[in-house]
C-alpha atoms as a PDB file:
ATOM      1  CA  MET A   1       0.010   0.006  -0.005  1.00  0.00           C
ATOM      2  CA  PRO A   2       1.615   3.363  -1.017  1.00  0.00           C
ATOM      3  CA  GLU A   3       2.859   5.766   1.613  1.00  0.00           C
ATOM      4  CA  ASN A   4       0.733   8.782   2.088  1.00  0.00           C
ATOM      5  CA  THR A   5       2.914  11.845   1.946  1.00  0.00           C
ATOM      6  CA  ASN A   6       0.209  14.029   3.202  1.00  0.00           C
ATOM      7  CA  THR A   7       0.113  12.459   6.577  1.00  0.00           C
ATOM      8  CA  PRO A   8       0.416  15.308   9.172  1.00  0.00           C
ATOM      9  CA  GLY A   9       2.946  13.480  11.302  1.00  0.00           C
ATOM     10  CA  ARG A  10       5.365  12.788   8.517  1.00  0.00           C
ATOM     11  CA  SER A  11       5.100  16.304   7.237  1.00  0.00           C
ATOM     12  CA  ARG A  12       6.196  17.734  10.502  1.00  0.00           C
ATOM     13  CA  LEU A  13       9.084  15.306  10.704  1.00  0.00           C
ATOM     14  CA  ALA A  14      10.269  16.172   7.253  1.00  0.00           C
ATOM     15  CA  LYS A  15      10.027  19.877   7.899  1.00  0.00           C
ATOM     16  CA  LEU A  16      11.968  19.443  11.107  1.00  0.00           C
ATOM     17  CA  SER A  17      14.766  17.487   9.388  1.00  0.00           C
ATOM     18  CA  ARG A  18      15.150  20.185   6.722  1.00  0.00           C
ATOM     19  CA  GLN A  19      15.357  22.915   9.310  1.00  0.00           C
ATOM     20  CA  ARG A  20      18.032  20.932  11.154  1.00  0.00           C
ATOM     21  CA  ARG A  21      20.098  20.561   8.032  1.00  0.00           C
ATOM     22  CA  ILE A  22      19.868  24.265   7.337  1.00  0.00           C
ATOM     23  CA  ALA A  23      20.910  25.070  10.912  1.00  0.00           C
ATOM     24  CA  LEU A  24      23.910  22.726  10.736  1.00  0.00           C
ATOM     25  CA  ALA A  25      25.023  24.202   7.423  1.00  0.00           C
ATOM     26  CA  GLY A  26      24.806  27.706   8.861  1.00  0.00           C
ATOM     27  CA  VAL A  27      26.929  26.717  11.868  1.00  0.00           C
ATOM     28  CA  ALA A  28      29.539  25.269   9.522  1.00  0.00           C
ATOM     29  CA  THR A  29      29.492  28.376   7.394  1.00  0.00           C
ATOM     30  CA  LEU A  30      29.815  30.661  10.393  1.00  0.00           C
ATOM     31  CA  GLY A  31      32.744  28.538  11.726  1.00  0.00           C
ATOM     32  CA  ALA A  32      34.585  28.733   8.446  1.00  0.00           C
ATOM     33  CA  ALA A  33      34.003  32.463   8.295  1.00  0.00           C
ATOM     34  CA  ALA A  34      35.322  32.897  11.838  1.00  0.00           C
ATOM     35  CA  LEU A  35      38.429  30.943  10.998  1.00  0.00           C
ATOM     36  CA  ALA A  36      39.021  32.981   7.857  1.00  0.00           C
ATOM     37  CA  PHE A  37      38.465  36.194   9.724  1.00  0.00           C
ATOM     38  CA  SER A  38      41.017  35.286  12.393  1.00  0.00           C
ATOM     39  CA  ALA A  39      43.723  34.590   9.746  1.00  0.00           C
ATOM     40  CA  VAL A  40      43.602  37.905   7.922  1.00  0.00           C
ATOM     41  CA  PRO A  41      45.478  41.062   9.059  1.00  0.00           C
ATOM     42  CA  GLY A  42      43.779  43.540  11.452  1.00  0.00           C
ATOM     43  CA  ASP A  43      43.216  46.104   8.665  1.00  0.00           C
ATOM     44  CA  ALA A  44      41.562  43.633   6.261  1.00  0.00           C
ATOM     45  CA  GLY A  45      37.858  43.730   5.312  1.00  0.00           C
ATOM     46  CA  THR A  46      35.153  41.998   7.420  1.00  0.00           C
ATOM     47  CA  THR A  47      33.265  40.334   4.584  1.00  0.00           C
ATOM     48  CA  THR A  48      33.310  36.631   4.302  1.00  0.00           C
ATOM     49  CA  THR A  49      34.567  36.700   0.735  1.00  0.00           C
ATOM     50  CA  ASP A  50      37.509  38.946   1.641  1.00  0.00           C
ATOM     51  CA  ALA A  51      38.356  36.804   4.596  1.00  0.00           C
ATOM     52  CA  ALA A  52      38.509  33.630   2.491  1.00  0.00           C
ATOM     53  CA  SER A  53      40.744  35.363   0.037  1.00  0.00           C
ATOM     54  CA  SER A  54      43.038  36.650   2.719  1.00  0.00           C
ATOM     55  CA  ALA A  55      43.207  33.208   4.269  1.00  0.00           C
ATOM     56  CA  LYS A  56      44.655  31.794   1.038  1.00  0.00           C
ATOM     57  CA  VAL A  57      47.411  34.443   1.007  1.00  0.00           C
ATOM     58  CA  ALA A  58      48.230  33.767   4.600  1.00  0.00           C
ATOM     59  CA  TYR A  59      48.621  30.058   3.945  1.00  0.00           C
ATOM     60  CA  SER A  60      51.008  30.781   1.056  1.00  0.00           C
ATOM     61  CA  THR A  61      53.660  32.722   3.118  1.00  0.00           C
ATOM     62  CA  GLU A  62      55.563  29.591   4.193  1.00  0.00           C
ATOM     63  CA  PRO A  63      56.703  28.606   0.673  1.00  0.00           C
ATOM     64  CA  ILE A  64      57.771  32.203  -0.064  1.00  0.00           C
ATOM     65  CA  LYS A  65      60.070  32.115   2.986  1.00  0.00           C
ATOM     66  CA  GLY A  66      61.743  28.995   1.614  1.00  0.00           C
ATOM     67  CA  VAL A  67      62.345  30.680  -1.735  1.00  0.00           C
ATOM     68  CA  LYS A  68      63.923  33.710  -0.115  1.00  0.00           C
ATOM     69  CA  ALA A  69      66.284  31.440   1.894  1.00  0.00           C
ATOM     70  CA  SER A  70      67.343  29.621  -1.239  1.00  0.00           C
ATOM     71  CA  ILE A  71      68.095  32.847  -3.040  1.00  0.00           C
ATOM     72  CA  THR A  72      70.160  34.064  -0.042  1.00  0.00           C
ATOM     73  CA  ASP A  73      72.137  30.863  -0.059  1.00  0.00           C
ATOM     74  CA  GLN A  74      72.795  31.224  -3.741  1.00  0.00           C
ATOM     75  CA  LEU A  75      73.944  34.807  -3.297  1.00  0.00           C
ATOM     76  CA  ALA A  76      76.250  33.820  -0.398  1.00  0.00           C
ATOM     77  CA  GLY A  77      77.689  30.998  -2.515  1.00  0.00           C
ATOM     78  CA  ALA A  78      78.254  33.403  -5.429  1.00  0.00           C
ATOM     79  CA  SER A  79      79.956  35.866  -3.043  1.00  0.00           C
ATOM     80  CA  LEU A  80      82.343  33.181  -1.744  1.00  0.00           C
ATOM     81  CA  LYS A  81      83.115  32.104  -5.262  1.00  0.00           C
ATOM     82  CA  THR A  82      83.850  35.657  -6.270  1.00  0.00           C
ATOM     83  CA  GLU A  83      86.145  36.101  -3.323  1.00  0.00           C
ATOM     84  CA  ALA A  84      87.950  32.888  -4.155  1.00  0.00           C
ATOM     85  CA  ILE A  85      88.433  34.058  -7.769  1.00  0.00           C
ATOM     86  CA  GLN A  86      89.688  37.437  -6.538  1.00  0.00           C
ATOM     87  CA  ALA A  87      92.099  35.785  -4.050  1.00  0.00           C
ATOM     88  CA  LYS A  88      93.419  33.537  -6.818  1.00  0.00           C
ATOM     89  CA  ALA A  89      93.845  36.611  -9.114  1.00  0.00           C
ATOM     90  CA  ASP A  90      95.619  38.521  -6.355  1.00  0.00           C
ATOM     91  CA  ALA A  91      97.959  35.565  -5.643  1.00  0.00           C
ATOM     92  CA  LYS A  92      98.732  35.251  -9.395  1.00  0.00           C
ATOM     93  CA  ALA A  93      99.401  39.012  -9.638  1.00  0.00           C
ATOM     94  CA  LYS A  94     101.665  38.826  -6.555  1.00  0.00           C
ATOM     95  CA  ALA A  95     103.594  35.911  -8.005  1.00  0.00           C
ATOM     96  CA  ALA A  96     103.958  37.784 -11.344  1.00  0.00           C
ATOM     97  CA  LYS A  97     105.232  40.853  -9.548  1.00  0.00           C
ATOM     98  CA  ALA A  98     107.744  38.789  -7.523  1.00  0.00           C
ATOM     99  CA  LYS A  99     108.956  37.172 -10.703  1.00  0.00           C
ATOM    100  CA  ALA A 100     109.248  40.520 -12.446  1.00  0.00           C
ATOM    101  CA  ASP A 101     111.104  41.966  -9.409  1.00  0.00           C
ATOM    102  CA  ALA A 102     113.562  39.024  -9.373  1.00  0.00           C
ATOM    103  CA  ALA A 103     114.147  39.380 -13.082  1.00  0.00           C
ATOM    104  CA  ALA A 104     114.739  43.119 -12.666  1.00  0.00           C
ATOM    105  CA  LYS A 105     117.196  42.461  -9.784  1.00  0.00           C
ATOM    106  CA  LYS A 106     118.984  39.834 -11.822  1.00  0.00           C
ATOM    107  CA  LYS A 107     119.226  42.196 -14.831  1.00  0.00           C
ATOM    108  CA  ALA A 108     120.538  44.966 -12.635  1.00  0.00           C
ATOM    109  CA  ALA A 109     123.129  42.636 -11.058  1.00  0.00           C
ATOM    110  CA  GLU A 110     124.292  41.476 -14.534  1.00  0.00           C
ATOM    111  CA  ALA A 111     124.513  45.058 -15.701  1.00  0.00           C
ATOM    112  CA  ALA A 112     126.574  46.010 -12.630  1.00  0.00           C
ATOM    113  CA  ALA A 113     128.854  43.009 -13.103  1.00  0.00           C
ATOM    114  CA  LYS A 114     129.281  43.820 -16.750  1.00  0.00           C
ATOM    115  CA  LYS A 115     130.049  47.466 -15.978  1.00  0.00           C
ATOM    116  CA  LYS A 116     132.576  46.404 -13.311  1.00  0.00           C
ATOM    117  CA  ALA A 117     134.245  43.975 -15.701  1.00  0.00           C
ATOM    118  CA  GLU A 118     134.406  46.628 -18.362  1.00  0.00           C
ATOM    119  CA  ALA A 119     135.945  49.086 -15.911  1.00  0.00           C
ATOM    120  CA  ALA A 120     138.498  46.449 -14.863  1.00  0.00           C
ATOM    121  CA  ARG A 121     139.330  45.707 -18.494  1.00  0.00           C
ATOM    122  CA  LYS A 122     139.812  49.405 -19.256  1.00  0.00           C
ATOM    123  CA  ALA A 123     141.966  49.882 -16.175  1.00  0.00           C
ATOM    124  CA  LYS A 124     144.076  46.848 -17.162  1.00  0.00           C
ATOM    125  CA  LYS A 125     144.445  48.115 -20.705  1.00  0.00           C
ATOM    126  CA  ALA A 126     145.409  51.564 -19.390  1.00  0.00           C
ATOM    127  CA  ALA A 127     147.932  50.033 -17.022  1.00  0.00           C
ATOM    128  CA  SER A 128     149.369  48.002 -19.891  1.00  0.00           C
ATOM    129  CA  ARG A 129     149.677  51.122 -22.086  1.00  0.00           C
ATOM    130  CA  SER A 130     151.371  52.948 -19.203  1.00  0.00           C
ATOM    131  CA  SER A 131     153.764  50.042 -18.633  1.00  0.00           C
ATOM    132  CA  GLN A 132     154.596  49.985 -22.335  1.00  0.00           C
ATOM    133  CA  ARG A 133     155.260  53.732 -22.266  1.00  0.00           C
ATOM    134  CA  VAL A 134     157.560  53.302 -19.329  1.00  0.00           C
ATOM    135  CA  LYS A 135     159.427  50.524 -21.064  1.00  0.00           C
ATOM    136  CA  LEU A 136     159.730  52.533 -24.251  1.00  0.00           C
ATOM    137  CA  GLN A 137     160.949  55.631 -22.553  1.00  0.00           C
ATOM    138  CA  PRO A 138     164.671  55.873 -23.069  1.00  0.00           C
ATOM    139  CA  VAL A 139     166.697  55.860 -19.871  1.00  0.00           C
ATOM    140  CA  ALA A 140     168.811  58.902 -19.683  1.00  0.00           C
ATOM    141  CA  ALA A 141     172.445  57.820 -19.521  1.00  0.00           C
ATOM    142  CA  THR A 142     174.332  59.033 -16.472  1.00  0.00           C
ATOM    143  CA  THR A 143     177.372  61.007 -17.402  1.00  0.00           C
ATOM    144  CA  TYR A 144     180.428  61.134 -15.291  1.00  0.00           C
ATOM    145  CA  ALA A 145     183.212  63.687 -15.269  1.00  0.00           C
ATOM    146  CA  ASN A 146     186.436  62.695 -16.914  1.00  0.00           C
ATOM    147  CA  ASN A 147     188.521  62.985 -13.719  1.00  0.00           C
ATOM    148  CA  LEU A 148     189.316  60.950 -10.593  1.00  0.00           C
ATOM    149  CA  ASN A 149     185.996  61.737  -8.911  1.00  0.00           C
ATOM    150  CA  GLY A 150     184.042  60.794 -12.064  1.00  0.00           C
ATOM    151  CA  TRP A 151     186.020  57.557 -12.557  1.00  0.00           C
ATOM    152  CA  ILE A 152     185.413  56.409  -8.973  1.00  0.00           C
ATOM    153  CA  ASN A 153     181.663  57.169  -9.126  1.00  0.00           C
ATOM    154  CA  HIS A 154     181.340  55.430 -12.449  1.00  0.00           C
ATOM    155  CA  ALA A 155     183.241  52.381 -11.073  1.00  0.00           C
ATOM    156  CA  LEU A 156     181.052  52.303  -7.967  1.00  0.00           C
ATOM    157  CA  ALA A 157     177.829  52.246 -10.103  1.00  0.00           C
ATOM    158  CA  ILE A 158     179.132  49.241 -12.065  1.00  0.00           C
ATOM    159  CA  MET A 159     180.294  47.493  -8.841  1.00  0.00           C
ATOM    160  CA  LYS A 160     176.818  47.941  -7.414  1.00  0.00           C
ATOM    161  CA  GLN A 161     175.225  46.299 -10.431  1.00  0.00           C
ATOM    162  CA  LYS A 162     177.715  43.374 -10.250  1.00  0.00           C
ATOM    163  CA  GLY A 163     177.497  42.944  -6.548  1.00  0.00           C
ATOM    164  CA  ILE A 164     181.154  43.908  -5.914  1.00  0.00           C
ATOM    165  CA  PRO A 165     181.668  45.451  -2.457  1.00  0.00           C
ATOM    166  CA  GLY A 166     183.576  48.716  -1.950  1.00  0.00           C
ATOM    167  CA  SER A 167     183.190  52.349  -0.947  1.00  0.00           C
ATOM    168  CA  TYR A 168     184.307  55.632  -2.375  1.00  0.00           C
ATOM    169  CA  TYR A 169     186.771  56.096   0.478  1.00  0.00           C
ATOM    170  CA  GLY A 170     188.202  52.565   0.089  1.00  0.00           C
ATOM    171  CA  LEU A 171     188.848  53.121  -3.590  1.00  0.00           C
ATOM    172  CA  TYR A 172     190.164  56.652  -3.210  1.00  0.00           C
ATOM    173  CA  LYS A 173     192.714  55.890  -0.464  1.00  0.00           C
ATOM    174  CA  ASN A 174     194.135  52.907  -2.379  1.00  0.00           C
ATOM    175  CA  ILE A 175     194.327  54.821  -5.694  1.00  0.00           C
ATOM    176  CA  MET A 176     196.163  57.717  -4.063  1.00  0.00           C
ATOM    177  CA  ARG A 177     198.676  55.304  -2.445  1.00  0.00           C
ATOM    178  CA  GLU A 178     199.294  53.267  -5.560  1.00  0.00           C
ATOM    179  CA  SER A 179     199.243  55.876  -8.392  1.00  0.00           C
ATOM    180  CA  SER A 180     198.548  59.268  -6.946  1.00  0.00           C
ATOM    181  CA  GLY A 181     195.465  59.321  -9.283  1.00  0.00           C
ATOM    182  CA  ASN A 182     197.424  58.808 -12.523  1.00  0.00           C
ATOM    183  CA  PRO A 183     195.683  56.257 -14.820  1.00  0.00           C
ATOM    184  CA  SER A 184     198.904  55.976 -16.887  1.00  0.00           C
ATOM    185  CA  ALA A 185     201.185  55.109 -13.998  1.00  0.00           C
ATOM    186  CA  VAL A 186     203.509  52.087 -14.480  1.00  0.00           C
ATOM    187  CA  ASN A 187     205.702  50.480 -11.855  1.00  0.00           C
ATOM    188  CA  GLY A 188     208.950  49.432 -13.524  1.00  0.00           C
ATOM    189  CA  TRP A 189     211.023  48.433 -10.523  1.00  0.00           C
ATOM    190  CA  ASP A 190     209.065  45.974  -8.260  1.00  0.00           C
ATOM    191  CA  VAL A 191     209.108  42.246  -8.430  1.00  0.00           C
ATOM    192  CA  ASN A 192     206.247  42.193 -10.985  1.00  0.00           C
ATOM    193  CA  ALA A 193     208.203  44.450 -13.286  1.00  0.00           C
ATOM    194  CA  VAL A 194     211.244  42.155 -12.839  1.00  0.00           C
ATOM    195  CA  ASN A 195     209.041  39.201 -13.842  1.00  0.00           C
ATOM    196  CA  GLY A 196     207.873  41.071 -16.968  1.00  0.00           C
ATOM    197  CA  THR A 197     204.414  41.948 -15.677  1.00  0.00           C
ATOM    198  CA  PRO A 198     204.634  45.481 -14.288  1.00  0.00           C
ATOM    199  CA  SER A 199     201.776  47.025 -12.228  1.00  0.00           C
ATOM    200  CA  ILE A 200     199.736  49.414 -14.337  1.00  0.00           C
ATOM    201  CA  GLY A 201     197.002  52.079 -13.925  1.00  0.00           C
ATOM    202  CA  LEU A 202     195.159  53.756 -10.985  1.00  0.00           C
ATOM    203  CA  LEU A 203     195.294  50.692  -8.712  1.00  0.00           C
ATOM    204  CA  GLN A 204     198.490  49.186 -10.141  1.00  0.00           C
ATOM    205  CA  VAL A 205     197.064  45.911 -11.459  1.00  0.00           C
ATOM    206  CA  ILE A 206     199.255  43.468 -13.428  1.00  0.00           C
ATOM    207  CA  GLN A 207     197.892  42.176 -16.759  1.00  0.00           C
ATOM    208  CA  PRO A 208     197.208  38.576 -15.643  1.00  0.00           C
ATOM    209  CA  THR A 209     195.159  39.780 -12.661  1.00  0.00           C
ATOM    210  CA  PHE A 210     193.293  42.269 -14.825  1.00  0.00           C
ATOM    211  CA  ASN A 211     192.421  39.572 -17.331  1.00  0.00           C
ATOM    212  CA  ALA A 212     191.243  37.163 -14.605  1.00  0.00           C
ATOM    213  CA  TYR A 213     189.040  39.677 -12.760  1.00  0.00           C
ATOM    214  CA  HIS A 214     187.952  41.873 -15.642  1.00  0.00           C
ATOM    215  CA  VAL A 215     184.317  43.096 -15.162  1.00  0.00           C
ATOM    216  CA  SER A 216     182.073  42.591 -18.155  1.00  0.00           C
ATOM    217  CA  GLY A 217     180.733  45.785 -19.721  1.00  0.00           C
ATOM    218  CA  THR A 218     183.983  47.669 -19.110  1.00  0.00           C
ATOM    219  CA  SER A 219     186.863  48.280 -21.462  1.00  0.00           C
ATOM    220  CA  THR A 220     189.425  45.558 -21.979  1.00  0.00           C
ATOM    221  CA  ASN A 221     192.193  48.179 -21.931  1.00  0.00           C
ATOM    222  CA  ILE A 222     194.092  47.915 -18.622  1.00  0.00           C
ATOM    223  CA  TYR A 223     194.817  51.654 -18.790  1.00  0.00           C
ATOM    224  CA  ASP A 224     191.104  52.592 -18.865  1.00  0.00           C
ATOM    225  CA  PRO A 225     190.422  54.141 -15.410  1.00  0.00           C
ATOM    226  CA  VAL A 226     186.996  52.558 -14.821  1.00  0.00           C
ATOM    227  CA  ALA A 227     188.045  49.115 -16.119  1.00  0.00           C
ATOM    228  CA  ASN A 228     191.251  49.240 -13.990  1.00  0.00           C
ATOM    229  CA  ILE A 229     189.291  50.234 -10.792  1.00  0.00           C
ATOM    230  CA  THR A 230     186.511  47.605 -11.139  1.00  0.00           C
ATOM    231  CA  ALA A 231     188.980  44.751 -11.937  1.00  0.00           C
ATOM    232  CA  ALA A 232     191.170  45.677  -8.915  1.00  0.00           C
ATOM    233  CA  ALA A 233     188.077  45.941  -6.638  1.00  0.00           C
ATOM    234  CA  ASN A 234     186.816  42.608  -7.927  1.00  0.00           C
ATOM    235  CA  TYR A 235     190.184  41.002  -7.163  1.00  0.00           C
ATOM    236  CA  ALA A 236     190.356  42.561  -3.704  1.00  0.00           C
ATOM    237  CA  ALA A 237     186.807  41.331  -2.898  1.00  0.00           C
ATOM    238  CA  ALA A 238     187.836  37.785  -3.765  1.00  0.00           C
ATOM    239  CA  ARG A 239     190.984  37.907  -1.774  1.00  0.00           C
ATOM    240  CA  TYR A 240     190.334  40.352   1.102  1.00  0.00           C
ATOM    241  CA  GLY A 241     186.541  40.628   1.181  1.00  0.00           C
ATOM    242  CA  SER A 242     186.488  44.247  -0.031  1.00  0.00           C
ATOM    243  CA  ILE A 243     188.818  46.944  -1.388  1.00  0.00           C
ATOM    244  CA  ASP A 244     188.043  48.749   1.867  1.00  0.00           C
ATOM    245  CA  ASN A 245     190.124  46.091   3.725  1.00  0.00           C
ATOM    246  CA  VAL A 246     193.242  46.797   1.658  1.00  0.00           C
ATOM    247  CA  ASN A 247     195.639  49.218   3.380  1.00  0.00           C
ATOM    248  CA  SER A 248     198.935  48.401   1.608  1.00  0.00           C
ATOM    249  CA  ALA A 249     200.302  46.770  -1.542  1.00  0.00           C
ATOM    250  CA  TYR A 250     198.210  43.810  -2.491  1.00  0.00           C
END
């Protein structure tokens, strides 16, 4: 048998159920609106539509913070990378400067050494030229007077070169005793004359003695004053140590 929808009791029940559903929906709507209103800023609108829109913006702030952090990290990494590149460039520039400074110092040292060597070479060359000039300069010949004083001094110069001892006084005293300063004096009466070898010249030397003790570089003529003196002094040095030690006929 079909249900009668016009029954008074059922009608009231259906009406009550519909009212309850409407009430529950209104409570739910009011709750959502309250939640949305509490999520928006204080200066936002009070309409339900605005509150819902603001709630969506509020819920999206968390992902935005993460994006900002990621960008900050990227910028920090880029800054560190830039600093590393700059440090590397600075180190490279410093190394290049040090290398350039070392090369400059080496070049300066080489230039100084070259300059010093050149100066030494020039000095040596100048010294060599000076030495050559000294060697090429003619030595002025010493002249001696043609008298007893000149003969003795000339003989002394030769004796000094040959290492023959004797003094001016030793020669002079023996010459004056033997010949009185006469280079042509000849002793024709002593034992030497008797034996055929008379004493001749300033220091009265016999020919065999003159020949044996003749000093090279002097005349071979026994009457030559300088040759006679140097030969007699050479003989006296060999026999008495020096002409200065002879005080009588020898």
